[in-house]
Each structure stands twice: as C-alpha cells, then as structure tokens.
C-alpha cells in the first residue's frame, strides 16, 4: 500500500483533526410541501447558481436557472442585498448549498451551519463563527418585510442527499468535489460526514505549494487544496515551468497538444488526480467496503483533460482493483 494512503488511513482510523468530521443531521420534517416552489441556491468554488425548484414523488423540477461568477461578498449583508433582487415574490423557502466549511446543526427544524473559516476566497468573512442561514434569513426578512426560511448545508452533504434516489444498496456512498476546491464526504446509516479534506496537510509539500501558501491570505490552511485543486493548479504550472497561464482551464487545454509544454501539463493534471485518488482510496479502505459509489462534482473532475480517467486509474492501482468503483 502506498505510504500516503497508509498515512491518510491512520488519520481516518484515529479520527484525527486532519479531517473535520462534520456531521450533518437530517431535518425532522420537510420544509416544503409537494409541488411547492422554493429557491435552490448554490455557491461553489467560483460560480453562483440559482433555480426555482419543486418536487413530487416521482421527480424534481427546475425552472428559470441562472449562473454567474461569484462576487467578492466579504459581507453577508452585501450578499443578502444581492439576493433580494433575485427572490421571486411567491418564494418563502431558500435551500442554500455552500462550498465552505460549516459546523451543521438543526435550527427550528432547518439544517443550518456555523461558518468555521474562510478557504480559497474571503466569502462572508463577517459571518465566521456565526450561523450562515440564521444571519441570511434575518437580513432577507428585514429587507423584504416578509417571512422567509433559509436552510444551509455544505456542498458535499448536498451531493450525498442528491444521490439518495440512485443509491446502490450494496455499495457505500461517498461524495467527491474536485473543482475550484477539493472535498470528500461519506454517508453512514444516520449521518452525512463532511471531512473538509482540502485542509489535510500530512504529506510532503511540493515547493510550489509552499510558495502559493506563503502568498495566500489563509497561510498554513487548505494545503491539500492548494496542491491539487483547480483554483491553484495553473499557478503550479507557471511556477514550475515559467508559464503564463491564467486559469486551470487553460492548463487543461494546453494538455491536449503535443510537445514538452503539453507533456508537463498532462503530468501536473495526473499528479493532482493521483493525490485525490489516494484520499479516495484511503476512505474506501476506512469504510471497509467492497463497492464504493461516488457522486462527484467539480469542473476539474468532469472537464479537466482526462482527469476522471487519471483518477480512476490511480484509484484502482492503489487498491489493487479489490474495490468496485462506480460513479
């Protein structure tokens, strides 16, 4: 077994603070009735998306979907002001999927989360240490002068919930995000466990990660994320090879070509995918499963040059093909 996997597995078995172990409780009742419309709101690593949503026994309906680049909302009040422009008059419930580390809890039958720290952005800095849903709900009610309910959960928890209708009863379920950021989660019989895997740091840091970290606003935090995620990967290429890329999308496009630059780009993407695969393999071994079903999200995973294939190939090598992997 690879040394990195052994180290990660040791931390998982010891329940160490290398991972956050944030347990999301399930709400006791549904906040919306069948066919009732509510606003689904998602902030990922770099994009904000919202859509009008409703559900029935057989299907989920999405209408009026919009997507924008995330603004620098350091203030939750500034963000609330932005939301007042997009919430229809008939909507009374907002389901917020937020790609930030949250300490989950139930507030008045709603899942909410205390913002633990900033990560790759300085989003909602004034809300660190406070419940995001409660703060946003109060500000929206103040501005719109009507009752609103806001429920908030971390992105990996939302991923696991989204997979419920497609569960393989013979497999363990994991959530994986590899895009602007990186995260892992898994499901037990009673809880959704968000590991906040991007904060893992018990590995040999590349020199380029040390440089990126030294220039970041959250030094010594999110070191795994700073090593493998899309928000940083092109910086590694520029630092290592003297490039002038401005996005990891450009890095992925460069990898489609031939020549030395393309080979370097391919190697960097494979290096990232291999490290993520090692975390995923360690989680599979920790769960002692024969079959792992992964629900995955993120632009790097789905659109990075051969990234999904690199990750799957590395995973199967690391666990010697002893665990069935499905997406």
C-alpha atoms as a PDB file:
ATOM      1  CA  UNK A   1       0.000   0.000   0.000  1.00  0.00           C
ATOM      2  CA  UNK A   2       1.226   3.485  -0.892  1.00  0.00           C
ATOM      3  CA  UNK A   3       2.762   5.394   2.044  1.00  0.00           C
ATOM      4  CA  UNK A   4       0.445   8.358   1.525  1.00  0.00           C
ATOM      5  CA  UNK A   5      -2.606   6.097   1.720  1.00  0.00           C
ATOM      6  CA  UNK A   6      -1.302   4.468   4.894  1.00  0.00           C
ATOM      7  CA  UNK A   7      -0.854   7.891   6.484  1.00  0.00           C
ATOM      8  CA  UNK A   8      -4.317   9.085   5.460  1.00  0.00           C
ATOM      9  CA  UNK A   9      -5.847   5.825   6.643  1.00  0.00           C
ATOM     10  CA  UNK A  10      -4.156   6.186  10.042  1.00  0.00           C
ATOM     11  CA  UNK A  11      -5.698   9.638  10.428  1.00  0.00           C
ATOM     12  CA  UNK A  12      -9.118   8.303   9.458  1.00  0.00           C
ATOM     13  CA  UNK A  13      -8.964   5.409  11.897  1.00  0.00           C
ATOM     14  CA  UNK A  14      -7.758   7.668  14.726  1.00  0.00           C
ATOM     15  CA  UNK A  15     -10.417  10.271  13.936  1.00  0.00           C
ATOM     16  CA  UNK A  16      -7.623  12.851  13.912  1.00  0.00           C
ATOM     17  CA  UNK A  17      -8.039  16.584  13.431  1.00  0.00           C
ATOM     18  CA  UNK A  18      -6.529  16.321   9.954  1.00  0.00           C
ATOM     19  CA  UNK A  19     -10.186  15.999   8.956  1.00  0.00           C
ATOM     20  CA  UNK A  20     -13.132  17.948  10.306  1.00  0.00           C
ATOM     21  CA  UNK A  21     -15.662  15.098  10.773  1.00  0.00           C
ATOM     22  CA  UNK A  22     -18.597  17.489  10.437  1.00  0.00           C
ATOM     23  CA  UNK A  23     -21.825  15.532  10.920  1.00  0.00           C
ATOM     24  CA  UNK A  24     -24.877  16.887   9.128  1.00  0.00           C
ATOM     25  CA  UNK A  25     -28.130  15.891  10.853  1.00  0.00           C
ATOM     26  CA  UNK A  26     -31.170  15.293   8.714  1.00  0.00           C
ATOM     27  CA  UNK A  27     -34.081  17.696   9.247  1.00  0.00           C
ATOM     28  CA  UNK A  28     -37.019  16.209  11.166  1.00  0.00           C
ATOM     29  CA  UNK A  29     -39.599  17.372   8.589  1.00  0.00           C
ATOM     30  CA  UNK A  30     -39.706  18.683   5.039  1.00  0.00           C
ATOM     31  CA  UNK A  31     -39.697  22.466   4.755  1.00  0.00           C
ATOM     32  CA  UNK A  32     -41.785  22.462   1.577  1.00  0.00           C
ATOM     33  CA  UNK A  33     -44.898  20.621   0.501  1.00  0.00           C
ATOM     34  CA  UNK A  34     -45.032  18.563  -2.716  1.00  0.00           C
ATOM     35  CA  UNK A  35     -45.273  20.852  -5.763  1.00  0.00           C
ATOM     36  CA  UNK A  36     -44.418  23.926  -3.642  1.00  0.00           C
ATOM     37  CA  UNK A  37     -41.764  26.073  -5.308  1.00  0.00           C
ATOM     38  CA  UNK A  38     -38.607  27.098  -3.472  1.00  0.00           C
ATOM     39  CA  UNK A  39     -35.309  28.703  -4.442  1.00  0.00           C
ATOM     40  CA  UNK A  40     -32.278  26.422  -4.788  1.00  0.00           C
ATOM     41  CA  UNK A  41     -29.099  28.445  -4.358  1.00  0.00           C
ATOM     42  CA  UNK A  42     -25.581  27.126  -4.925  1.00  0.00           C
ATOM     43  CA  UNK A  43     -22.244  28.835  -4.331  1.00  0.00           C
ATOM     44  CA  UNK A  44     -19.363  26.667  -5.490  1.00  0.00           C
ATOM     45  CA  UNK A  45     -15.707  27.488  -5.773  1.00  0.00           C
ATOM     46  CA  UNK A  46     -16.177  30.147  -8.434  1.00  0.00           C
ATOM     47  CA  UNK A  47     -19.813  30.214  -9.562  1.00  0.00           C
ATOM     48  CA  UNK A  48     -23.203  31.044  -8.061  1.00  0.00           C
ATOM     49  CA  UNK A  49     -26.253  29.282  -9.478  1.00  0.00           C
ATOM     50  CA  UNK A  50     -29.915  29.597  -8.578  1.00  0.00           C
ATOM     51  CA  UNK A  51     -33.082  27.973  -9.850  1.00  0.00           C
ATOM     52  CA  UNK A  52     -36.752  27.659  -8.948  1.00  0.00           C
ATOM     53  CA  UNK A  53     -37.312  24.113  -7.703  1.00  0.00           C
ATOM     54  CA  UNK A  54     -40.255  21.919  -6.820  1.00  0.00           C
ATOM     55  CA  UNK A  55     -40.600  18.222  -6.122  1.00  0.00           C
ATOM     56  CA  UNK A  56     -43.145  15.443  -6.285  1.00  0.00           C
ATOM     57  CA  UNK A  57     -42.987  11.745  -5.510  1.00  0.00           C
ATOM     58  CA  UNK A  58     -41.629  10.976  -8.964  1.00  0.00           C
ATOM     59  CA  UNK A  59     -39.465  13.907  -9.994  1.00  0.00           C
ATOM     60  CA  UNK A  60     -37.719  17.183  -9.202  1.00  0.00           C
ATOM     61  CA  UNK A  61     -38.462  20.143 -11.433  1.00  0.00           C
ATOM     62  CA  UNK A  62     -36.050  23.030 -12.152  1.00  0.00           C
ATOM     63  CA  UNK A  63     -37.064  26.236 -13.914  1.00  0.00           C
ATOM     64  CA  UNK A  64     -35.520  29.674 -14.507  1.00  0.00           C
ATOM     65  CA  UNK A  65     -31.934  28.584 -13.889  1.00  0.00           C
ATOM     66  CA  UNK A  66     -29.204  31.253 -13.755  1.00  0.00           C
ATOM     67  CA  UNK A  67     -25.440  31.121 -13.281  1.00  0.00           C
ATOM     68  CA  UNK A  68     -22.959  33.900 -12.550  1.00  0.00           C
ATOM     69  CA  UNK A  69     -19.353  34.299 -11.406  1.00  0.00           C
ATOM     70  CA  UNK A  70     -19.150  34.661  -7.615  1.00  0.00           C
ATOM     71  CA  UNK A  71     -18.585  38.240  -6.452  1.00  0.00           C
ATOM     72  CA  UNK A  72     -16.339  39.197  -3.544  1.00  0.00           C
ATOM     73  CA  UNK A  73     -19.107  39.149  -0.926  1.00  0.00           C
ATOM     74  CA  UNK A  74     -16.997  39.552   2.197  1.00  0.00           C
ATOM     75  CA  UNK A  75     -20.140  40.810   3.970  1.00  0.00           C
ATOM     76  CA  UNK A  76     -23.197  38.577   4.411  1.00  0.00           C
ATOM     77  CA  UNK A  77     -25.320  41.761   4.330  1.00  0.00           C
ATOM     78  CA  UNK A  78     -23.986  42.657   0.863  1.00  0.00           C
ATOM     79  CA  UNK A  79     -24.855  39.163  -0.313  1.00  0.00           C
ATOM     80  CA  UNK A  80     -28.359  39.441   1.184  1.00  0.00           C
ATOM     81  CA  UNK A  81     -28.870  42.691  -0.742  1.00  0.00           C
ATOM     82  CA  UNK A  82     -27.877  40.858  -3.932  1.00  0.00           C
ATOM     83  CA  UNK A  83     -30.366  38.071  -3.196  1.00  0.00           C
ATOM     84  CA  UNK A  84     -33.286  40.449  -2.733  1.00  0.00           C
ATOM     85  CA  UNK A  85     -33.030  41.195  -6.454  1.00  0.00           C
ATOM     86  CA  UNK A  86     -33.487  37.554  -7.497  1.00  0.00           C
ATOM     87  CA  UNK A  87     -36.004  36.088  -5.000  1.00  0.00           C
ATOM     88  CA  UNK A  88     -39.495  35.901  -6.560  1.00  0.00           C
ATOM     89  CA  UNK A  89     -42.416  37.209  -4.501  1.00  0.00           C
ATOM     90  CA  UNK A  90     -44.024  33.765  -4.234  1.00  0.00           C
ATOM     91  CA  UNK A  91     -40.925  32.101  -2.731  1.00  0.00           C
ATOM     92  CA  UNK A  92     -40.773  31.611   1.038  1.00  0.00           C
ATOM     93  CA  UNK A  93     -38.040  28.939   1.337  1.00  0.00           C
ATOM     94  CA  UNK A  94     -34.394  29.042   0.224  1.00  0.00           C
ATOM     95  CA  UNK A  95     -32.188  25.925   0.133  1.00  0.00           C
ATOM     96  CA  UNK A  96     -28.556  27.071   0.134  1.00  0.00           C
ATOM     97  CA  UNK A  97     -25.730  24.749  -0.964  1.00  0.00           C
ATOM     98  CA  UNK A  98     -22.500  26.440   0.186  1.00  0.00           C
ATOM     99  CA  UNK A  99     -18.959  25.284  -0.620  1.00  0.00           C
ATOM    100  CA  UNK A 100     -17.497  26.485   2.689  1.00  0.00           C
ATOM    101  CA  UNK A 101     -16.695  24.598   5.929  1.00  0.00           C
ATOM    102  CA  UNK A 102     -19.786  24.607   8.131  1.00  0.00           C
ATOM    103  CA  UNK A 103     -20.493  23.160  11.583  1.00  0.00           C
ATOM    104  CA  UNK A 104     -24.008  21.770  10.968  1.00  0.00           C
ATOM    105  CA  UNK A 105     -26.917  21.915  13.418  1.00  0.00           C
ATOM    106  CA  UNK A 106     -30.722  21.960  13.385  1.00  0.00           C
ATOM    107  CA  UNK A 107     -32.330  25.367  13.842  1.00  0.00           C
ATOM    108  CA  UNK A 108     -36.120  25.412  14.120  1.00  0.00           C
ATOM    109  CA  UNK A 109     -36.415  22.231  12.005  1.00  0.00           C
ATOM    110  CA  UNK A 110     -33.956  23.628   9.424  1.00  0.00           C
ATOM    111  CA  UNK A 111     -30.410  22.473   8.713  1.00  0.00           C
ATOM    112  CA  UNK A 112     -28.034  25.381   9.310  1.00  0.00           C
ATOM    113  CA  UNK A 113     -24.277  25.722   9.681  1.00  0.00           C
ATOM    114  CA  UNK A 114     -21.801  27.866  11.585  1.00  0.00           C
ATOM    115  CA  UNK A 115     -19.119  29.157   9.218  1.00  0.00           C
ATOM    116  CA  UNK A 116     -15.821  27.800  10.555  1.00  0.00           C
ATOM    117  CA  UNK A 117     -13.261  29.660   8.434  1.00  0.00           C
ATOM    118  CA  UNK A 118     -12.595  31.192   5.070  1.00  0.00           C
ATOM    119  CA  UNK A 119     -10.965  28.992   2.430  1.00  0.00           C
ATOM    120  CA  UNK A 120      -9.830  29.981  -1.065  1.00  0.00           C
ATOM    121  CA  UNK A 121     -11.917  33.154  -1.033  1.00  0.00           C
ATOM    122  CA  UNK A 122     -12.801  35.700   1.628  1.00  0.00           C
ATOM    123  CA  UNK A 123     -16.504  34.979   1.258  1.00  0.00           C
ATOM    124  CA  UNK A 124     -18.694  36.032   4.213  1.00  0.00           C
ATOM    125  CA  UNK A 125     -15.760  36.947   6.445  1.00  0.00           C
ATOM    126  CA  UNK A 126     -18.061  38.777   8.837  1.00  0.00           C
ATOM    127  CA  UNK A 127     -20.059  35.564   9.349  1.00  0.00           C
ATOM    128  CA  UNK A 128     -17.161  33.363  10.528  1.00  0.00           C
ATOM    129  CA  UNK A 129     -18.226  31.858  13.849  1.00  0.00           C
ATOM    130  CA  UNK A 130     -21.922  32.521  13.195  1.00  0.00           C
ATOM    131  CA  UNK A 131     -24.808  30.550  11.613  1.00  0.00           C
ATOM    132  CA  UNK A 132     -24.997  31.440   7.929  1.00  0.00           C
ATOM    133  CA  UNK A 133     -28.654  30.502   7.477  1.00  0.00           C
ATOM    134  CA  UNK A 134     -29.856  32.392  10.527  1.00  0.00           C
ATOM    135  CA  UNK A 135     -27.917  35.533   9.574  1.00  0.00           C
ATOM    136  CA  UNK A 136     -29.094  35.440   5.967  1.00  0.00           C
ATOM    137  CA  UNK A 137     -32.697  34.724   6.965  1.00  0.00           C
ATOM    138  CA  UNK A 138     -32.826  37.718   9.333  1.00  0.00           C
ATOM    139  CA  UNK A 139     -31.318  40.088   6.756  1.00  0.00           C
ATOM    140  CA  UNK A 140     -33.673  38.957   3.990  1.00  0.00           C
ATOM    141  CA  UNK A 141     -36.729  39.247   6.213  1.00  0.00           C
ATOM    142  CA  UNK A 142     -35.622  42.738   7.231  1.00  0.00           C
ATOM    143  CA  UNK A 143     -35.159  43.825   3.603  1.00  0.00           C
ATOM    144  CA  UNK A 144     -38.194  42.122   2.055  1.00  0.00           C
ATOM    145  CA  UNK A 145     -40.540  42.616   5.022  1.00  0.00           C
ATOM    146  CA  UNK A 146     -41.937  39.088   4.847  1.00  0.00           C
ATOM    147  CA  UNK A 147     -41.284  35.671   6.364  1.00  0.00           C
ATOM    148  CA  UNK A 148     -38.587  33.572   4.732  1.00  0.00           C
ATOM    149  CA  UNK A 149     -36.945  30.286   5.707  1.00  0.00           C
ATOM    150  CA  UNK A 150     -33.282  29.667   4.861  1.00  0.00           C
ATOM    151  CA  UNK A 151     -31.649  26.259   5.206  1.00  0.00           C
ATOM    152  CA  UNK A 152     -27.912  25.837   4.572  1.00  0.00           C
ATOM    153  CA  UNK A 153     -25.692  22.794   4.070  1.00  0.00           C
ATOM    154  CA  UNK A 154     -22.171  22.147   2.821  1.00  0.00           C
ATOM    155  CA  UNK A 155     -21.710  21.148  -0.817  1.00  0.00           C
ATOM    156  CA  UNK A 156     -20.605  17.581  -0.112  1.00  0.00           C
ATOM    157  CA  UNK A 157     -23.602  16.988   2.161  1.00  0.00           C
ATOM    158  CA  UNK A 158     -25.879  18.251  -0.599  1.00  0.00           C
ATOM    159  CA  UNK A 159     -24.146  15.908  -3.047  1.00  0.00           C
ATOM    160  CA  UNK A 160     -24.875  12.909  -0.831  1.00  0.00           C
ATOM    161  CA  UNK A 161     -28.507  13.959  -0.433  1.00  0.00           C
ATOM    162  CA  UNK A 162     -28.843  14.347  -4.201  1.00  0.00           C
ATOM    163  CA  UNK A 163     -27.760  10.732  -4.667  1.00  0.00           C
ATOM    164  CA  UNK A 164     -30.450   9.194  -2.446  1.00  0.00           C
ATOM    165  CA  UNK A 165     -32.744   8.185  -5.295  1.00  0.00           C
ATOM    166  CA  UNK A 166     -29.875   6.482  -7.160  1.00  0.00           C
ATOM    167  CA  UNK A 167     -28.317   4.565  -4.273  1.00  0.00           C
ATOM    168  CA  UNK A 168     -26.831   1.137  -4.855  1.00  0.00           C
ATOM    169  CA  UNK A 169     -27.898  -0.844  -1.763  1.00  0.00           C
ATOM    170  CA  UNK A 170     -24.733  -2.964  -1.992  1.00  0.00           C
ATOM    171  CA  UNK A 171     -22.294  -0.015  -2.074  1.00  0.00           C
ATOM    172  CA  UNK A 172     -21.020   2.565   0.370  1.00  0.00           C
ATOM    173  CA  UNK A 173     -21.638   6.154  -0.701  1.00  0.00           C
ATOM    174  CA  UNK A 174     -19.032   8.921  -0.914  1.00  0.00           C
ATOM    175  CA  UNK A 175     -19.225  12.498  -2.167  1.00  0.00           C
ATOM    176  CA  UNK A 176     -16.267  13.958  -4.050  1.00  0.00           C
ATOM    177  CA  UNK A 177     -15.717  17.533  -5.199  1.00  0.00           C
ATOM    178  CA  UNK A 178     -12.748  18.359  -7.424  1.00  0.00           C
ATOM    179  CA  UNK A 179     -13.141  21.758  -8.997  1.00  0.00           C
ATOM    180  CA  UNK A 180     -12.034  25.148  -7.796  1.00  0.00           C
ATOM    181  CA  UNK A 181     -11.693  23.396  -4.414  1.00  0.00           C
ATOM    182  CA  UNK A 182     -11.496  19.828  -3.122  1.00  0.00           C
ATOM    183  CA  UNK A 183     -13.559  17.908  -0.584  1.00  0.00           C
ATOM    184  CA  UNK A 184     -14.671  14.423   0.442  1.00  0.00           C
ATOM    185  CA  UNK A 185     -17.662  13.156   2.386  1.00  0.00           C
ATOM    186  CA  UNK A 186     -19.348   9.858   3.143  1.00  0.00           C
ATOM    187  CA  UNK A 187     -22.644   8.576   4.446  1.00  0.00           C
ATOM    188  CA  UNK A 188     -23.343   6.396   7.459  1.00  0.00           C
ATOM    189  CA  UNK A 189     -26.690   4.898   8.372  1.00  0.00           C
ATOM    190  CA  UNK A 190     -27.559   8.022  10.370  1.00  0.00           C
ATOM    191  CA  UNK A 191     -25.340  10.927   9.258  1.00  0.00           C
ATOM    192  CA  UNK A 192     -23.632  12.711   6.371  1.00  0.00           C
ATOM    193  CA  UNK A 193     -19.958  13.183   7.264  1.00  0.00           C
ATOM    194  CA  UNK A 194     -18.121  16.128   5.707  1.00  0.00           C
ATOM    195  CA  UNK A 195     -14.351  15.594   6.033  1.00  0.00           C
ATOM    196  CA  UNK A 196     -13.212  19.024   4.748  1.00  0.00           C
ATOM    197  CA  UNK A 197     -10.445  17.085   3.019  1.00  0.00           C
ATOM    198  CA  UNK A 198      -8.875  20.185   1.472  1.00  0.00           C
ATOM    199  CA  UNK A 199      -7.414  21.102   4.868  1.00  0.00           C
ATOM    200  CA  UNK A 200      -5.343  17.886   5.057  1.00  0.00           C
ATOM    201  CA  UNK A 201      -1.612  18.633   5.387  1.00  0.00           C
ATOM    202  CA  UNK A 202       0.241  15.474   6.474  1.00  0.00           C
ATOM    203  CA  UNK A 203       2.155  14.946   3.234  1.00  0.00           C
ATOM    204  CA  UNK A 204       5.352  16.191   1.628  1.00  0.00           C
ATOM    205  CA  UNK A 205       4.510  19.632   0.305  1.00  0.00           C
ATOM    206  CA  UNK A 206       5.787  20.498  -3.172  1.00  0.00           C
ATOM    207  CA  UNK A 207       7.943  23.629  -3.215  1.00  0.00           C
ATOM    208  CA  UNK A 208       5.306  25.283  -5.389  1.00  0.00           C
ATOM    209  CA  UNK A 209       2.640  24.715  -2.710  1.00  0.00           C
ATOM    210  CA  UNK A 210       4.897  26.431  -0.169  1.00  0.00           C
ATOM    211  CA  UNK A 211       5.206  29.447  -2.466  1.00  0.00           C
ATOM    212  CA  UNK A 212       1.449  29.564  -3.139  1.00  0.00           C
ATOM    213  CA  UNK A 213       0.690  29.221   0.566  1.00  0.00           C
ATOM    214  CA  UNK A 214       3.132  31.979   1.540  1.00  0.00           C
ATOM    215  CA  UNK A 215       1.340  34.367  -0.792  1.00  0.00           C
ATOM    216  CA  UNK A 216      -2.180  33.390   0.333  1.00  0.00           C
ATOM    217  CA  UNK A 217      -4.396  35.152   2.888  1.00  0.00           C
ATOM    218  CA  UNK A 218      -5.012  31.874   4.796  1.00  0.00           C
ATOM    219  CA  UNK A 219      -1.444  30.674   5.288  1.00  0.00           C
ATOM    220  CA  UNK A 220      -0.912  27.120   6.590  1.00  0.00           C
ATOM    221  CA  UNK A 221      -4.537  26.225   5.847  1.00  0.00           C
ATOM    222  CA  UNK A 222      -6.107  24.216   2.992  1.00  0.00           C
ATOM    223  CA  UNK A 223      -2.692  22.865   1.945  1.00  0.00           C
ATOM    224  CA  UNK A 224      -4.063  19.795   0.169  1.00  0.00           C
ATOM    225  CA  UNK A 225      -6.476  22.020  -1.721  1.00  0.00           C
ATOM    226  CA  UNK A 226      -3.643  24.408  -2.614  1.00  0.00           C
ATOM    227  CA  UNK A 227      -1.739  21.438  -4.045  1.00  0.00           C
ATOM    228  CA  UNK A 228      -4.398  19.721  -6.168  1.00  0.00           C
ATOM    229  CA  UNK A 229      -7.431  21.963  -6.799  1.00  0.00           C
ATOM    230  CA  UNK A 230      -8.328  23.984  -9.870  1.00  0.00           C
ATOM    231  CA  UNK A 231      -8.052  27.347  -8.136  1.00  0.00           C
ATOM    232  CA  UNK A 232      -4.306  26.761  -7.754  1.00  0.00           C
ATOM    233  CA  UNK A 233      -3.196  24.150 -10.283  1.00  0.00           C
ATOM    234  CA  UNK A 234      -2.239  26.552 -13.068  1.00  0.00           C
ATOM    235  CA  UNK A 235      -0.117  28.505 -10.565  1.00  0.00           C
ATOM    236  CA  UNK A 236       1.928  25.327 -10.030  1.00  0.00           C
ATOM    237  CA  UNK A 237       2.486  25.089 -13.773  1.00  0.00           C
ATOM    238  CA  UNK A 238       3.602  28.722 -14.011  1.00  0.00           C
ATOM    239  CA  UNK A 239       5.959  28.370 -11.055  1.00  0.00           C
ATOM    240  CA  UNK A 240       7.476  25.095 -12.196  1.00  0.00           C
ATOM    241  CA  UNK A 241       7.776  25.750 -15.909  1.00  0.00           C
ATOM    242  CA  UNK A 242       7.792  29.533 -16.269  1.00  0.00           C
ATOM    243  CA  UNK A 243       4.354  29.602 -17.874  1.00  0.00           C
ATOM    244  CA  UNK A 244       1.901  32.482 -18.061  1.00  0.00           C
ATOM    245  CA  UNK A 245      -1.411  30.648 -17.719  1.00  0.00           C
ATOM    246  CA  UNK A 246      -4.308  32.467 -16.065  1.00  0.00           C
ATOM    247  CA  UNK A 247      -6.699  29.548 -15.394  1.00  0.00           C
ATOM    248  CA  UNK A 248      -6.626  25.788 -14.935  1.00  0.00           C
ATOM    249  CA  UNK A 249      -8.962  25.606 -17.936  1.00  0.00           C
ATOM    250  CA  UNK A 250      -6.023  26.923 -19.973  1.00  0.00           C
ATOM    251  CA  UNK A 251      -3.805  24.266 -18.372  1.00  0.00           C
ATOM    252  CA  UNK A 252      -6.262  21.564 -19.422  1.00  0.00           C
ATOM    253  CA  UNK A 253      -6.393  22.926 -22.974  1.00  0.00           C
ATOM    254  CA  UNK A 254      -2.585  23.012 -23.093  1.00  0.00           C
ATOM    255  CA  UNK A 255      -2.561  19.305 -22.183  1.00  0.00           C
ATOM    256  CA  UNK A 256      -4.480  18.451 -25.371  1.00  0.00           C
ATOM    257  CA  UNK A 257      -1.495  19.354 -27.516  1.00  0.00           C
ATOM    258  CA  UNK A 258       1.908  17.814 -28.172  1.00  0.00           C
ATOM    259  CA  UNK A 259       5.401  18.773 -27.209  1.00  0.00           C
ATOM    260  CA  UNK A 260       7.109  19.480 -23.904  1.00  0.00           C
ATOM    261  CA  UNK A 261       4.587  22.010 -22.601  1.00  0.00           C
ATOM    262  CA  UNK A 262       1.687  19.628 -23.202  1.00  0.00           C
ATOM    263  CA  UNK A 263       3.537  16.778 -21.513  1.00  0.00           C
ATOM    264  CA  UNK A 264       4.243  18.961 -18.489  1.00  0.00           C
ATOM    265  CA  UNK A 265       0.570  19.952 -18.287  1.00  0.00           C
ATOM    266  CA  UNK A 266      -0.523  16.311 -18.533  1.00  0.00           C
ATOM    267  CA  UNK A 267       1.921  15.334 -15.787  1.00  0.00           C
ATOM    268  CA  UNK A 268       0.623  18.036 -13.466  1.00  0.00           C
ATOM    269  CA  UNK A 269      -3.017  17.025 -14.005  1.00  0.00           C
ATOM    270  CA  UNK A 270      -2.129  13.371 -13.418  1.00  0.00           C
ATOM    271  CA  UNK A 271      -0.224  14.309 -10.252  1.00  0.00           C
ATOM    272  CA  UNK A 272      -3.292  16.080  -8.907  1.00  0.00           C
ATOM    273  CA  UNK A 273      -5.627  13.216  -9.850  1.00  0.00           C
ATOM    274  CA  UNK A 274      -3.303  10.673  -8.225  1.00  0.00           C
ATOM    275  CA  UNK A 275      -3.245  12.550  -4.910  1.00  0.00           C
ATOM    276  CA  UNK A 276      -7.048  12.856  -4.896  1.00  0.00           C
ATOM    277  CA  UNK A 277      -7.309   9.153  -5.748  1.00  0.00           C
ATOM    278  CA  UNK A 278      -5.133   8.358  -2.733  1.00  0.00           C
ATOM    279  CA  UNK A 279      -7.539  10.186  -0.415  1.00  0.00           C
ATOM    280  CA  UNK A 280     -10.483   8.396  -2.016  1.00  0.00           C
ATOM    281  CA  UNK A 281      -8.732   5.012  -1.766  1.00  0.00           C
ATOM    282  CA  UNK A 282      -7.958   5.593   1.913  1.00  0.00           C
ATOM    283  CA  UNK A 283     -11.617   6.456   2.532  1.00  0.00           C
ATOM    284  CA  UNK A 284     -12.735   3.261   0.762  1.00  0.00           C
ATOM    285  CA  UNK A 285     -10.371   1.196   2.915  1.00  0.00           C
ATOM    286  CA  UNK A 286     -11.544   3.032   6.040  1.00  0.00           C
ATOM    287  CA  UNK A 287     -15.157   2.170   5.195  1.00  0.00           C
ATOM    288  CA  UNK A 288     -14.062  -1.460   4.710  1.00  0.00           C
ATOM    289  CA  UNK A 289     -16.233  -1.677   1.619  1.00  0.00           C
ATOM    290  CA  UNK A 290     -16.241  -3.976  -1.367  1.00  0.00           C
ATOM    291  CA  UNK A 291     -18.060  -1.441  -3.510  1.00  0.00           C
ATOM    292  CA  UNK A 292     -17.825   2.352  -3.438  1.00  0.00           C
ATOM    293  CA  UNK A 293     -20.388   4.528  -5.183  1.00  0.00           C
ATOM    294  CA  UNK A 294     -19.085   8.076  -5.662  1.00  0.00           C
ATOM    295  CA  UNK A 295     -21.198  11.069  -6.565  1.00  0.00           C
ATOM    296  CA  UNK A 296     -18.756  13.588  -7.976  1.00  0.00           C
ATOM    297  CA  UNK A 297     -18.930  17.272  -8.841  1.00  0.00           C
ATOM    298  CA  UNK A 298     -16.478  19.902  -9.973  1.00  0.00           C
ATOM    299  CA  UNK A 299     -15.204  21.375 -13.223  1.00  0.00           C
ATOM    300  CA  UNK A 300     -11.731  19.848 -12.903  1.00  0.00           C
ATOM    301  CA  UNK A 301     -13.104  16.330 -12.352  1.00  0.00           C
ATOM    302  CA  UNK A 302     -15.590  16.411 -15.224  1.00  0.00           C
ATOM    303  CA  UNK A 303     -13.850  18.720 -17.704  1.00  0.00           C
ATOM    304  CA  UNK A 304     -10.141  18.578 -16.892  1.00  0.00           C
ATOM    305  CA  UNK A 305      -8.075  16.822 -19.558  1.00  0.00           C
ATOM    306  CA  UNK A 306      -8.546  13.065 -18.860  1.00  0.00           C
ATOM    307  CA  UNK A 307      -8.833  13.945 -15.151  1.00  0.00           C
ATOM    308  CA  UNK A 308     -11.582  11.455 -14.324  1.00  0.00           C
ATOM    309  CA  UNK A 309      -9.701   8.702 -16.157  1.00  0.00           C
ATOM    310  CA  UNK A 310      -6.434   9.577 -14.386  1.00  0.00           C
ATOM    311  CA  UNK A 311      -8.184   9.498 -11.005  1.00  0.00           C
ATOM    312  CA  UNK A 312      -9.999   6.222 -11.629  1.00  0.00           C
ATOM    313  CA  UNK A 313      -6.844   4.567 -12.968  1.00  0.00           C
ATOM    314  CA  UNK A 314      -4.837   5.671  -9.919  1.00  0.00           C
ATOM    315  CA  UNK A 315      -7.575   4.554  -7.516  1.00  0.00           C
ATOM    316  CA  UNK A 316      -7.724   1.052  -8.998  1.00  0.00           C
ATOM    317  CA  UNK A 317      -3.926   0.749  -8.910  1.00  0.00           C
ATOM    318  CA  UNK A 318      -3.762   1.897  -5.277  1.00  0.00           C
ATOM    319  CA  UNK A 319      -6.349  -0.585  -4.014  1.00  0.00           C
ATOM    320  CA  UNK A 320      -5.180  -3.293  -6.472  1.00  0.00           C
ATOM    321  CA  UNK A 321      -8.654  -3.414  -8.065  1.00  0.00           C
ATOM    322  CA  UNK A 322     -10.080  -5.051  -4.909  1.00  0.00           C
ATOM    323  CA  UNK A 323     -12.878  -2.487  -4.551  1.00  0.00           C
ATOM    324  CA  UNK A 324     -15.543  -1.926  -7.186  1.00  0.00           C
ATOM    325  CA  UNK A 325     -15.777   1.779  -8.046  1.00  0.00           C
ATOM    326  CA  UNK A 326     -18.861   3.329  -9.631  1.00  0.00           C
ATOM    327  CA  UNK A 327     -19.796   6.940 -10.373  1.00  0.00           C
END
